[in-house]
Amino acid sequence: MWLKTLATSPLSAITFFVLLLALLLRFYIKFDTPQKLFNAEELALFNGTNEGLPILLGILGSVFDVTKGKSHYGSGGGYNHFAGRDASRAFVSGNFTGDGLTDSLRGLSSTEVKSIVEWRDFYFRSYKYVGKLVGRYYDSQGNPTKYLKGVEAKAARGAQLLEKQKIEEAKLPACNSRWNQDEGGEVWCDVGYPRLVQRPLEIALTGKMSKRCACFEDSQLGQPGLELYDGCDYHATRCKV
């Protein structure tokens, strides 16, 4: 009877289709755009010790299901220290114990932060994203915090500096180099003379000053900032290091 009424009533038909659309929309949002919010205590339950639960991992506040990598992330696996927590810092520090297993990136350089963002991108490509961890990177509504925005800005700045350094260093040919346990290291130039030169962007990138070996022509050797290798003749094309 109600079907006959529905078929003959334009208003009822419209109502039916509106309800159907609403149900489909709810289904789509629920299953295709997961927005599960975890707190640290909840995430800790998914650390691979319970066979009945998936294994979850957080990085920069994004949470991923890494169960398909159970041999690595499960109990006894080489990467189990990442399971059930956000240990973003450990992705570049290599400290997998105690205070090293933290989501704080305080004191890290722009290149280190850039590397962590790239690790997050790897998980987005390789594993199922399941939600967000409320805390440092996302608030209780699942919105990005100022800290996350700052991290992403620092990573972008690191990428820009690396590209700039690459362009600048391409202007000066790099030395050839080799090393073996018996003879030690050696640098040489096919054209020009090897000199150590500072990498001016390195402080901004890594927080440290470093040098690299570049080849300079005779007319360039008098410019400031060039360092001759110890024990190497002024016009030698090869130097022990």
C-alpha atoms as a PDB file:
ATOM      1  CA  MET A   1       0.000   0.000   0.000  1.00  0.00           C
ATOM      2  CA  TRP A   2       2.767   2.437   0.969  1.00  0.00           C
ATOM      3  CA  LEU A   3       4.598   1.656  -2.294  1.00  0.00           C
ATOM      4  CA  LYS A   4       1.479   2.552  -4.263  1.00  0.00           C
ATOM      5  CA  THR A   5       1.166   5.784  -2.318  1.00  0.00           C
ATOM      6  CA  LEU A   6       4.857   6.554  -2.877  1.00  0.00           C
ATOM      7  CA  ALA A   7       4.549   5.916  -6.604  1.00  0.00           C
ATOM      8  CA  THR A   8       1.547   8.263  -6.940  1.00  0.00           C
ATOM      9  CA  SER A   9       2.791  11.036  -4.610  1.00  0.00           C
ATOM     10  CA  PRO A  10       5.475  13.369  -6.024  1.00  0.00           C
ATOM     11  CA  LEU A  11       6.237  14.754  -2.555  1.00  0.00           C
ATOM     12  CA  SER A  12       6.719  11.304  -1.042  1.00  0.00           C
ATOM     13  CA  ALA A  13       8.995  10.297  -3.903  1.00  0.00           C
ATOM     14  CA  ILE A  14      11.175  13.355  -3.364  1.00  0.00           C
ATOM     15  CA  THR A  15      11.369  12.627   0.363  1.00  0.00           C
ATOM     16  CA  PHE A  16      12.391   9.028  -0.341  1.00  0.00           C
ATOM     17  CA  PHE A  17      15.207  10.050  -2.646  1.00  0.00           C
ATOM     18  CA  VAL A  18      16.459  12.709  -0.214  1.00  0.00           C
ATOM     19  CA  LEU A  19      16.630  10.097   2.555  1.00  0.00           C
ATOM     20  CA  LEU A  20      18.382   7.647   0.246  1.00  0.00           C
ATOM     21  CA  LEU A  21      20.946  10.284  -0.728  1.00  0.00           C
ATOM     22  CA  ALA A  22      21.565  11.113   2.934  1.00  0.00           C
ATOM     23  CA  LEU A  23      22.164   7.439   3.765  1.00  0.00           C
ATOM     24  CA  LEU A  24      24.575   7.036   0.857  1.00  0.00           C
ATOM     25  CA  LEU A  25      26.441  10.166   1.910  1.00  0.00           C
ATOM     26  CA  ARG A  26      26.796   8.892   5.479  1.00  0.00           C
ATOM     27  CA  PHE A  27      28.080   5.563   4.171  1.00  0.00           C
ATOM     28  CA  TYR A  28      30.631   7.327   1.969  1.00  0.00           C
ATOM     29  CA  ILE A  29      31.908   9.580   4.733  1.00  0.00           C
ATOM     30  CA  LYS A  30      32.141   6.707   7.213  1.00  0.00           C
ATOM     31  CA  PHE A  31      34.098   4.328   5.051  1.00  0.00           C
ATOM     32  CA  ASP A  32      36.025   6.434   2.545  1.00  0.00           C
ATOM     33  CA  THR A  33      37.160   9.434   4.592  1.00  0.00           C
ATOM     34  CA  PRO A  34      38.168   8.073   8.009  1.00  0.00           C
ATOM     35  CA  GLN A  35      38.566  10.734  10.642  1.00  0.00           C
ATOM     36  CA  LYS A  36      39.131   8.566  13.724  1.00  0.00           C
ATOM     37  CA  LEU A  37      40.700  10.556  16.532  1.00  0.00           C
ATOM     38  CA  PHE A  38      43.021   8.709  18.918  1.00  0.00           C
ATOM     39  CA  ASN A  39      44.568   9.764  22.185  1.00  0.00           C
ATOM     40  CA  ALA A  40      47.956   8.417  23.246  1.00  0.00           C
ATOM     41  CA  GLU A  41      46.420   5.804  25.562  1.00  0.00           C
ATOM     42  CA  GLU A  42      44.158   4.449  22.826  1.00  0.00           C
ATOM     43  CA  LEU A  43      46.950   4.313  20.264  1.00  0.00           C
ATOM     44  CA  ALA A  44      49.142   2.398  22.714  1.00  0.00           C
ATOM     45  CA  LEU A  45      46.673  -0.514  22.605  1.00  0.00           C
ATOM     46  CA  PHE A  46      47.587  -1.155  18.962  1.00  0.00           C
ATOM     47  CA  ASN A  47      51.254  -1.910  19.559  1.00  0.00           C
ATOM     48  CA  GLY A  48      51.296  -5.403  18.075  1.00  0.00           C
ATOM     49  CA  THR A  49      51.046  -7.360  21.323  1.00  0.00           C
ATOM     50  CA  ASN A  50      47.344  -8.187  20.882  1.00  0.00           C
ATOM     51  CA  GLU A  51      46.787 -10.578  17.988  1.00  0.00           C
ATOM     52  CA  GLY A  52      43.169  -9.505  17.735  1.00  0.00           C
ATOM     53  CA  LEU A  53      43.962  -5.865  17.039  1.00  0.00           C
ATOM     54  CA  PRO A  54      45.586  -4.162  14.048  1.00  0.00           C
ATOM     55  CA  ILE A  55      49.039  -2.629  14.440  1.00  0.00           C
ATOM     56  CA  LEU A  56      48.993   1.170  14.266  1.00  0.00           C
ATOM     57  CA  LEU A  57      51.775   3.697  13.976  1.00  0.00           C
ATOM     58  CA  GLY A  58      51.761   7.478  14.299  1.00  0.00           C
ATOM     59  CA  ILE A  59      54.024   9.979  12.573  1.00  0.00           C
ATOM     60  CA  LEU A  60      53.525  13.747  12.796  1.00  0.00           C
ATOM     61  CA  GLY A  61      50.108  12.990  14.262  1.00  0.00           C
ATOM     62  CA  SER A  62      48.890  10.911  11.294  1.00  0.00           C
ATOM     63  CA  VAL A  63      47.994   7.328  12.193  1.00  0.00           C
ATOM     64  CA  PHE A  64      48.503   4.387   9.840  1.00  0.00           C
ATOM     65  CA  ASP A  65      47.558   0.718   9.890  1.00  0.00           C
ATOM     66  CA  VAL A  66      50.836  -1.159   9.360  1.00  0.00           C
ATOM     67  CA  THR A  67      49.429  -4.618  10.051  1.00  0.00           C
ATOM     68  CA  LYS A  68      50.489  -5.858   6.609  1.00  0.00           C
ATOM     69  CA  GLY A  69      54.064  -5.241   7.769  1.00  0.00           C
ATOM     70  CA  LYS A  70      53.516  -7.375  10.868  1.00  0.00           C
ATOM     71  CA  SER A  71      56.888  -9.108  10.521  1.00  0.00           C
ATOM     72  CA  HIS A  72      58.548  -5.707  10.994  1.00  0.00           C
ATOM     73  CA  TYR A  73      56.123  -3.846  13.267  1.00  0.00           C
ATOM     74  CA  GLY A  74      54.736  -6.719  15.309  1.00  0.00           C
ATOM     75  CA  SER A  75      56.055  -7.981  18.624  1.00  0.00           C
ATOM     76  CA  GLY A  76      59.723  -8.854  18.222  1.00  0.00           C
ATOM     77  CA  GLY A  77      59.998  -7.078  14.873  1.00  0.00           C
ATOM     78  CA  GLY A  78      62.818  -4.692  14.103  1.00  0.00           C
ATOM     79  CA  TYR A  79      60.455  -1.701  13.899  1.00  0.00           C
ATOM     80  CA  ASN A  80      58.161  -2.649  16.786  1.00  0.00           C
ATOM     81  CA  HIS A  81      59.382   0.394  18.734  1.00  0.00           C
ATOM     82  CA  PHE A  82      57.306   2.553  16.342  1.00  0.00           C
ATOM     83  CA  ALA A  83      54.060   0.632  16.935  1.00  0.00           C
ATOM     84  CA  GLY A  84      51.352   2.061  19.188  1.00  0.00           C
ATOM     85  CA  ARG A  85      52.906   5.514  19.423  1.00  0.00           C
ATOM     86  CA  ASP A  86      54.069   8.578  17.542  1.00  0.00           C
ATOM     87  CA  ALA A  87      57.873   8.419  17.641  1.00  0.00           C
ATOM     88  CA  SER A  88      58.469  10.908  14.830  1.00  0.00           C
ATOM     89  CA  ARG A  89      61.845  12.027  16.136  1.00  0.00           C
ATOM     90  CA  ALA A  90      63.289   8.497  16.045  1.00  0.00           C
ATOM     91  CA  PHE A  91      62.873   8.358  12.267  1.00  0.00           C
ATOM     92  CA  VAL A  92      65.964  10.571  11.954  1.00  0.00           C
ATOM     93  CA  SER A  93      67.653  10.355  15.342  1.00  0.00           C
ATOM     94  CA  GLY A  94      68.046   6.578  15.411  1.00  0.00           C
ATOM     95  CA  ASN A  95      67.364   6.668  19.162  1.00  0.00           C
ATOM     96  CA  PHE A  96      64.786   3.940  19.723  1.00  0.00           C
ATOM     97  CA  THR A  97      64.769   3.924  23.514  1.00  0.00           C
ATOM     98  CA  GLY A  98      63.468   6.116  26.314  1.00  0.00           C
ATOM     99  CA  ASP A  99      63.193   9.801  25.492  1.00  0.00           C
ATOM    100  CA  GLY A 100      64.161   9.099  21.877  1.00  0.00           C
ATOM    101  CA  LEU A 101      60.703   7.636  21.223  1.00  0.00           C
ATOM    102  CA  THR A 102      58.942  10.996  21.162  1.00  0.00           C
ATOM    103  CA  ASP A 103      56.961  13.091  18.725  1.00  0.00           C
ATOM    104  CA  SER A 104      58.906  16.238  19.663  1.00  0.00           C
ATOM    105  CA  LEU A 105      61.174  17.587  16.914  1.00  0.00           C
ATOM    106  CA  ARG A 106      62.724  20.298  19.059  1.00  0.00           C
ATOM    107  CA  GLY A 107      66.295  21.107  18.027  1.00  0.00           C
ATOM    108  CA  LEU A 108      66.195  19.188  14.745  1.00  0.00           C
ATOM    109  CA  SER A 109      67.521  20.841  11.602  1.00  0.00           C
ATOM    110  CA  SER A 110      65.408  21.734   8.587  1.00  0.00           C
ATOM    111  CA  THR A 111      66.805  18.801   6.615  1.00  0.00           C
ATOM    112  CA  GLU A 112      66.003  16.389   9.445  1.00  0.00           C
ATOM    113  CA  VAL A 113      62.460  17.757   9.666  1.00  0.00           C
ATOM    114  CA  LYS A 114      62.175  17.466   5.880  1.00  0.00           C
ATOM    115  CA  SER A 115      63.213  13.815   6.141  1.00  0.00           C
ATOM    116  CA  ILE A 116      60.475  13.098   8.704  1.00  0.00           C
ATOM    117  CA  VAL A 117      57.843  14.729   6.474  1.00  0.00           C
ATOM    118  CA  GLU A 118      59.088  12.502   3.647  1.00  0.00           C
ATOM    119  CA  TRP A 119      58.700   9.465   5.921  1.00  0.00           C
ATOM    120  CA  ARG A 120      55.102  10.502   6.573  1.00  0.00           C
ATOM    121  CA  ASP A 121      54.546  10.756   2.822  1.00  0.00           C
ATOM    122  CA  PHE A 122      55.964   7.238   2.474  1.00  0.00           C
ATOM    123  CA  TYR A 123      53.375   5.887   4.908  1.00  0.00           C
ATOM    124  CA  PHE A 124      50.575   7.654   3.059  1.00  0.00           C
ATOM    125  CA  ARG A 125      51.721   5.909  -0.126  1.00  0.00           C
ATOM    126  CA  SER A 126      52.415   2.510   1.399  1.00  0.00           C
ATOM    127  CA  TYR A 127      49.920   1.938   4.219  1.00  0.00           C
ATOM    128  CA  LYS A 128      46.307   2.658   5.098  1.00  0.00           C
ATOM    129  CA  TYR A 129      45.682   5.990   6.785  1.00  0.00           C
ATOM    130  CA  VAL A 130      43.198   5.513   9.644  1.00  0.00           C
ATOM    131  CA  GLY A 131      43.069   8.782  11.563  1.00  0.00           C
ATOM    132  CA  LYS A 132      44.801  11.371  13.696  1.00  0.00           C
ATOM    133  CA  LEU A 133      46.473  11.471  17.086  1.00  0.00           C
ATOM    134  CA  VAL A 134      45.197  14.269  19.314  1.00  0.00           C
ATOM    135  CA  GLY A 135      48.062  16.148  20.928  1.00  0.00           C
ATOM    136  CA  ARG A 136      51.053  17.947  19.496  1.00  0.00           C
ATOM    137  CA  TYR A 137      49.977  17.912  15.843  1.00  0.00           C
ATOM    138  CA  TYR A 138      46.166  17.798  15.925  1.00  0.00           C
ATOM    139  CA  ASP A 139      43.692  19.340  18.339  1.00  0.00           C
ATOM    140  CA  SER A 140      40.640  17.654  19.849  1.00  0.00           C
ATOM    141  CA  GLN A 141      38.635  18.481  16.711  1.00  0.00           C
ATOM    142  CA  GLY A 142      41.206  16.946  14.390  1.00  0.00           C
ATOM    143  CA  ASN A 143      42.450  20.292  13.122  1.00  0.00           C
ATOM    144  CA  PRO A 144      46.187  20.858  12.457  1.00  0.00           C
ATOM    145  CA  THR A 145      47.961  22.714  15.257  1.00  0.00           C
ATOM    146  CA  LYS A 146      50.402  25.590  14.882  1.00  0.00           C
ATOM    147  CA  TYR A 147      53.165  23.121  15.681  1.00  0.00           C
ATOM    148  CA  LEU A 148      52.312  20.946  12.672  1.00  0.00           C
ATOM    149  CA  LYS A 149      52.093  23.971  10.399  1.00  0.00           C
ATOM    150  CA  GLY A 150      55.490  25.093  11.676  1.00  0.00           C
ATOM    151  CA  VAL A 151      56.998  21.669  11.028  1.00  0.00           C
ATOM    152  CA  GLU A 152      55.697  21.607   7.466  1.00  0.00           C
ATOM    153  CA  ALA A 153      56.946  25.151   6.851  1.00  0.00           C
ATOM    154  CA  LYS A 154      60.394  24.216   8.183  1.00  0.00           C
ATOM    155  CA  ALA A 155      60.493  21.145   5.946  1.00  0.00           C
ATOM    156  CA  ALA A 156      59.556  23.270   2.916  1.00  0.00           C
ATOM    157  CA  ARG A 157      62.297  25.738   3.817  1.00  0.00           C
ATOM    158  CA  GLY A 158      64.765  22.856   4.062  1.00  0.00           C
ATOM    159  CA  ALA A 159      63.791  21.671   0.591  1.00  0.00           C
ATOM    160  CA  GLN A 160      64.338  25.178  -0.803  1.00  0.00           C
ATOM    161  CA  LEU A 161      67.745  25.485   0.844  1.00  0.00           C
ATOM    162  CA  LEU A 162      68.841  22.078  -0.412  1.00  0.00           C
ATOM    163  CA  GLU A 163      67.894  23.036  -3.961  1.00  0.00           C
ATOM    164  CA  LYS A 164      69.708  26.355  -3.639  1.00  0.00           C
ATOM    165  CA  GLN A 165      72.808  24.612  -2.287  1.00  0.00           C
ATOM    166  CA  LYS A 166      72.681  22.116  -5.140  1.00  0.00           C
ATOM    167  CA  ILE A 167      72.555  24.932  -7.710  1.00  0.00           C
ATOM    168  CA  GLU A 168      75.399  26.866  -6.057  1.00  0.00           C
ATOM    169  CA  GLU A 169      77.642  23.829  -5.723  1.00  0.00           C
ATOM    170  CA  ALA A 170      77.049  22.855  -9.344  1.00  0.00           C
ATOM    171  CA  LYS A 171      78.963  26.019 -10.291  1.00  0.00           C
ATOM    172  CA  LEU A 172      82.127  24.481  -8.821  1.00  0.00           C
ATOM    173  CA  PRO A 173      83.127  20.979  -9.965  1.00  0.00           C
ATOM    174  CA  ALA A 174      83.340  18.510  -7.087  1.00  0.00           C
ATOM    175  CA  CYS A 175      86.541  16.572  -6.505  1.00  0.00           C
ATOM    176  CA  ASN A 176      86.808  12.905  -7.322  1.00  0.00           C
ATOM    177  CA  SER A 177      87.351  10.812  -4.228  1.00  0.00           C
ATOM    178  CA  ARG A 178      88.027   7.294  -3.065  1.00  0.00           C
ATOM    179  CA  TRP A 179      88.864   5.509   0.152  1.00  0.00           C
ATOM    180  CA  ASN A 180      90.058   2.070   1.181  1.00  0.00           C
ATOM    181  CA  GLN A 181      91.135   0.635   4.474  1.00  0.00           C
ATOM    182  CA  ASP A 182      94.744   0.033   3.480  1.00  0.00           C
ATOM    183  CA  GLU A 183      95.601   3.330   1.776  1.00  0.00           C
ATOM    184  CA  GLY A 184      93.120   5.716   3.348  1.00  0.00           C
ATOM    185  CA  GLY A 185      91.406   8.449   1.363  1.00  0.00           C
ATOM    186  CA  GLU A 186      92.367  10.489  -1.666  1.00  0.00           C
ATOM    187  CA  VAL A 187      90.790  13.363  -3.584  1.00  0.00           C
ATOM    188  CA  TRP A 188      91.769  14.578  -7.027  1.00  0.00           C
ATOM    189  CA  CYS A 189      90.737  16.854  -9.875  1.00  0.00           C
ATOM    190  CA  ASP A 190      90.736  16.023 -13.560  1.00  0.00           C
ATOM    191  CA  VAL A 191      90.933  19.760 -14.222  1.00  0.00           C
ATOM    192  CA  GLY A 192      92.142  22.159 -11.547  1.00  0.00           C
ATOM    193  CA  TYR A 193      93.344  21.735  -7.977  1.00  0.00           C
ATOM    194  CA  PRO A 194      91.511  20.322  -4.942  1.00  0.00           C
ATOM    195  CA  ARG A 195      90.597  22.682  -2.133  1.00  0.00           C
ATOM    196  CA  LEU A 196      88.299  22.516   0.865  1.00  0.00           C
ATOM    197  CA  VAL A 197      85.555  25.133   0.769  1.00  0.00           C
ATOM    198  CA  GLN A 198      82.818  25.900   3.285  1.00  0.00           C
ATOM    199  CA  ARG A 199      79.207  25.127   2.475  1.00  0.00           C
ATOM    200  CA  PRO A 200      77.543  28.409   3.536  1.00  0.00           C
ATOM    201  CA  LEU A 201      73.984  27.069   3.623  1.00  0.00           C
ATOM    202  CA  GLU A 202      74.881  24.097   5.793  1.00  0.00           C
ATOM    203  CA  ILE A 203      74.297  25.910   9.089  1.00  0.00           C
ATOM    204  CA  ALA A 204      70.711  26.702   8.080  1.00  0.00           C
ATOM    205  CA  LEU A 205      70.214  23.145   6.843  1.00  0.00           C
ATOM    206  CA  THR A 206      71.833  21.068   9.561  1.00  0.00           C
ATOM    207  CA  GLY A 207      72.848  23.494  12.295  1.00  0.00           C
ATOM    208  CA  LYS A 208      76.519  22.709  11.616  1.00  0.00           C
ATOM    209  CA  MET A 209      79.202  24.111   9.354  1.00  0.00           C
ATOM    210  CA  SER A 210      80.733  21.653   6.937  1.00  0.00           C
ATOM    211  CA  LYS A 211      83.162  21.716   4.047  1.00  0.00           C
ATOM    212  CA  ARG A 212      83.406  19.973   0.725  1.00  0.00           C
ATOM    213  CA  CYS A 213      86.153  19.367  -1.813  1.00  0.00           C
ATOM    214  CA  ALA A 214      85.912  21.369  -5.038  1.00  0.00           C
ATOM    215  CA  CYS A 215      88.223  21.870  -8.007  1.00  0.00           C
ATOM    216  CA  PHE A 216      89.593  25.353  -8.701  1.00  0.00           C
ATOM    217  CA  GLU A 217      91.557  26.678 -11.618  1.00  0.00           C
ATOM    218  CA  ASP A 218      94.928  28.351 -11.006  1.00  0.00           C
ATOM    219  CA  SER A 219      93.435  31.828 -11.392  1.00  0.00           C
ATOM    220  CA  GLN A 220      90.914  31.085  -8.619  1.00  0.00           C
ATOM    221  CA  LEU A 221      93.319  29.806  -5.970  1.00  0.00           C
ATOM    222  CA  GLY A 222      93.938  33.231  -4.465  1.00  0.00           C
ATOM    223  CA  GLN A 223      90.347  33.866  -3.451  1.00  0.00           C
ATOM    224  CA  PRO A 224      89.529  33.818   0.272  1.00  0.00           C
ATOM    225  CA  GLY A 225      87.967  30.857   2.023  1.00  0.00           C
ATOM    226  CA  LEU A 226      89.887  28.094   0.218  1.00  0.00           C
ATOM    227  CA  GLU A 227      91.746  25.585   2.380  1.00  0.00           C
ATOM    228  CA  LEU A 228      94.659  23.476   1.192  1.00  0.00           C
ATOM    229  CA  TYR A 229      94.708  19.881   2.387  1.00  0.00           C
ATOM    230  CA  ASP A 230      97.389  19.151   5.007  1.00  0.00           C
ATOM    231  CA  GLY A 231     100.555  17.781   3.419  1.00  0.00           C
ATOM    232  CA  CYS A 232      99.403  18.579  -0.101  1.00  0.00           C
ATOM    233  CA  ASP A 233     101.443  20.765  -2.474  1.00  0.00           C
ATOM    234  CA  TYR A 234      99.909  24.039  -3.647  1.00  0.00           C
ATOM    235  CA  HIS A 235      99.625  22.860  -7.262  1.00  0.00           C
ATOM    236  CA  ALA A 236      99.043  19.168  -6.586  1.00  0.00           C
ATOM    237  CA  THR A 237      96.098  17.675  -8.425  1.00  0.00           C
ATOM    238  CA  ARG A 238      95.836  14.798  -5.933  1.00  0.00           C
ATOM    239  CA  CYS A 239      95.770  14.982  -2.124  1.00  0.00           C
ATOM    240  CA  LYS A 240      95.697  12.405   0.632  1.00  0.00           C
ATOM    241  CA  VAL A 241      92.914  12.905   3.158  1.00  0.00           C
END
